Amino acid sequence: MDTIKEYLLSQQDIKYRDFTLPLIPNVDKNSFIGVRLPVIKKLAKELDNKIKSDFISSLPHKYHEENVLHSIILSSIKDYDEFINYVNAFLPYVNNWAVCDSICNKYLAKYKPELL
């Protein structure tokens, strides 16, 4: 998981971090790297399934962007039970609206009653 963290750190955009900090005031400012969402989404698509599985199994994460990446990876899980298990493990670490809003799993639309 150090490789993911190193990659995110290499993509830091200080101006973007400074723009984002006031939008999420309840989170420690030292937990923000300042990586734009398209970069995180691209990374999520490029990771192989083993790395994704290892990453979402390694909690907690240090950085906000790691939590966003975690949310985006969760959004790609097609199996309902697997998704629910991973979400339940992750929820204690969801500490702001941006991470919460990043979980958007279109594959589970048929389970809407269960999810509600």
Protein backbone atom coordinates (compact mmCIF):
# COMPACT_ATOMS: atom_id res chain seq x y z
CA MET A 1 0.00 0.00 0.00
CA ASP A 2 3.05 2.21 0.25
CA THR A 3 3.15 2.35 -3.55
CA ILE A 4 -0.36 3.81 -3.65
CA LYS A 5 0.51 6.34 -0.97
CA GLU A 6 3.71 7.29 -2.82
CA TYR A 7 1.78 7.73 -6.05
CA LEU A 8 -0.83 9.94 -4.39
CA LEU A 9 1.90 12.03 -2.77
CA SER A 10 3.58 12.43 -6.16
CA GLN A 11 0.32 13.83 -7.57
CA GLN A 12 -0.04 16.52 -4.90
CA ASP A 13 -1.53 19.84 -5.97
CA ILE A 14 -1.04 22.33 -3.13
CA LYS A 15 -3.46 24.88 -4.61
CA TYR A 16 -6.16 22.21 -4.85
CA ARG A 17 -5.46 21.09 -1.26
CA ASP A 18 -5.77 24.67 -0.05
CA PHE A 19 -9.03 25.04 -1.99
CA THR A 20 -10.42 21.81 -0.50
CA LEU A 21 -9.53 22.37 3.17
CA PRO A 22 -12.30 24.91 3.91
CA LEU A 23 -14.88 22.65 2.25
CA ILE A 24 -14.21 19.86 4.74
CA PRO A 25 -13.43 21.72 7.97
CA ASN A 26 -14.04 18.84 10.37
CA VAL A 27 -11.08 16.80 9.09
CA ASP A 28 -7.46 17.28 10.18
CA LYS A 29 -5.77 19.42 7.54
CA ASN A 30 -2.65 17.24 7.76
CA SER A 31 -4.64 14.31 6.37
CA PHE A 32 -5.07 16.07 3.00
CA ILE A 33 -2.57 15.60 0.20
CA GLY A 34 -4.38 17.60 -2.45
CA VAL A 35 -4.99 15.15 -5.29
CA ARG A 36 -7.73 15.91 -7.80
CA LEU A 37 -10.58 13.44 -8.20
CA PRO A 38 -9.86 12.57 -11.87
CA VAL A 39 -6.36 11.45 -10.85
CA ILE A 40 -7.79 9.24 -8.09
CA LYS A 41 -10.42 7.77 -10.44
CA LYS A 42 -7.77 6.99 -13.03
CA LEU A 43 -5.66 5.26 -10.41
CA ALA A 44 -8.64 3.16 -9.31
CA LYS A 45 -9.14 1.96 -12.88
CA GLU A 46 -5.47 1.08 -13.34
CA LEU A 47 -5.06 -1.03 -10.19
CA ASP A 48 -5.43 -4.77 -10.60
CA ASN A 49 -7.98 -6.67 -8.52
CA LYS A 50 -5.42 -8.09 -6.07
CA ILE A 51 -4.05 -4.64 -5.25
CA LYS A 52 -7.58 -3.26 -4.90
CA SER A 53 -8.55 -6.07 -2.55
CA ASP A 54 -5.40 -5.63 -0.45
CA PHE A 55 -5.91 -1.86 -0.32
CA ILE A 56 -9.53 -1.94 0.84
CA SER A 57 -8.63 -4.60 3.39
CA SER A 58 -5.97 -2.39 4.97
CA LEU A 59 -7.71 0.06 7.26
CA PRO A 60 -7.39 2.71 8.48
CA HIS A 61 -5.89 4.94 5.84
CA LYS A 62 -3.82 7.98 6.74
CA TYR A 63 -4.91 10.37 4.01
CA HIS A 64 -8.26 11.71 2.85
CA GLU A 65 -7.36 10.81 -0.74
CA GLU A 66 -6.78 7.19 0.27
CA ASN A 67 -10.31 7.16 1.69
CA VAL A 68 -11.66 8.62 -1.54
CA LEU A 69 -9.79 5.95 -3.51
CA HIS A 70 -11.24 3.34 -1.16
CA SER A 71 -14.76 4.67 -1.87
CA ILE A 72 -14.21 4.60 -5.61
CA ILE A 73 -12.95 1.03 -5.46
CA LEU A 74 -16.02 0.05 -3.42
CA SER A 75 -18.16 1.58 -6.15
CA SER A 76 -16.82 -0.95 -8.64
CA ILE A 77 -17.76 -4.06 -6.64
CA LYS A 78 -20.53 -5.95 -8.41
CA ASP A 79 -21.30 -8.59 -5.76
CA TYR A 80 -23.86 -7.39 -3.19
CA ASP A 81 -22.56 -9.39 -0.19
CA GLU A 82 -18.96 -8.49 -0.90
CA PHE A 83 -19.89 -4.81 -1.23
CA ILE A 84 -21.86 -4.81 2.04
CA ASN A 85 -19.01 -6.52 3.92
CA TYR A 86 -16.44 -4.01 2.67
CA VAL A 87 -18.73 -1.03 3.31
CA ASN A 88 -19.45 -2.17 6.86
CA ALA A 89 -15.71 -2.43 7.51
CA PHE A 90 -15.10 1.02 6.01
CA LEU A 91 -17.97 3.02 7.55
CA PRO A 92 -16.22 3.68 10.89
CA TYR A 93 -13.54 5.57 8.93
CA VAL A 94 -15.88 7.68 6.78
CA ASN A 95 -15.53 11.04 8.47
CA ASN A 96 -16.73 13.55 5.90
CA TRP A 97 -19.19 14.17 3.09
CA ALA A 98 -16.61 13.91 0.29
CA VAL A 99 -15.66 10.34 1.14
CA CYS A 100 -19.30 9.37 1.68
CA ASP A 101 -20.35 10.91 -1.64
CA SER A 102 -17.62 9.00 -3.47
CA ILE A 103 -19.40 5.69 -2.85
CA CYS A 104 -21.73 5.37 -5.80
CA ASN A 105 -22.23 1.77 -6.87
CA LYS A 106 -24.38 1.55 -10.01
CA TYR A 107 -24.10 -2.24 -10.07
CA LEU A 108 -26.28 -2.59 -6.99
CA ALA A 109 -29.33 -0.66 -8.24
CA LYS A 110 -31.41 -3.84 -8.19
CA TYR A 111 -30.80 -4.07 -4.42
CA LYS A 112 -32.23 -0.64 -3.67
CA PRO A 113 -34.85 -1.88 -1.15
CA GLU A 114 -32.21 -3.80 0.82
CA LEU A 115 -29.82 -0.86 0.76
CA LEU A 116 -32.46 1.60 1.94
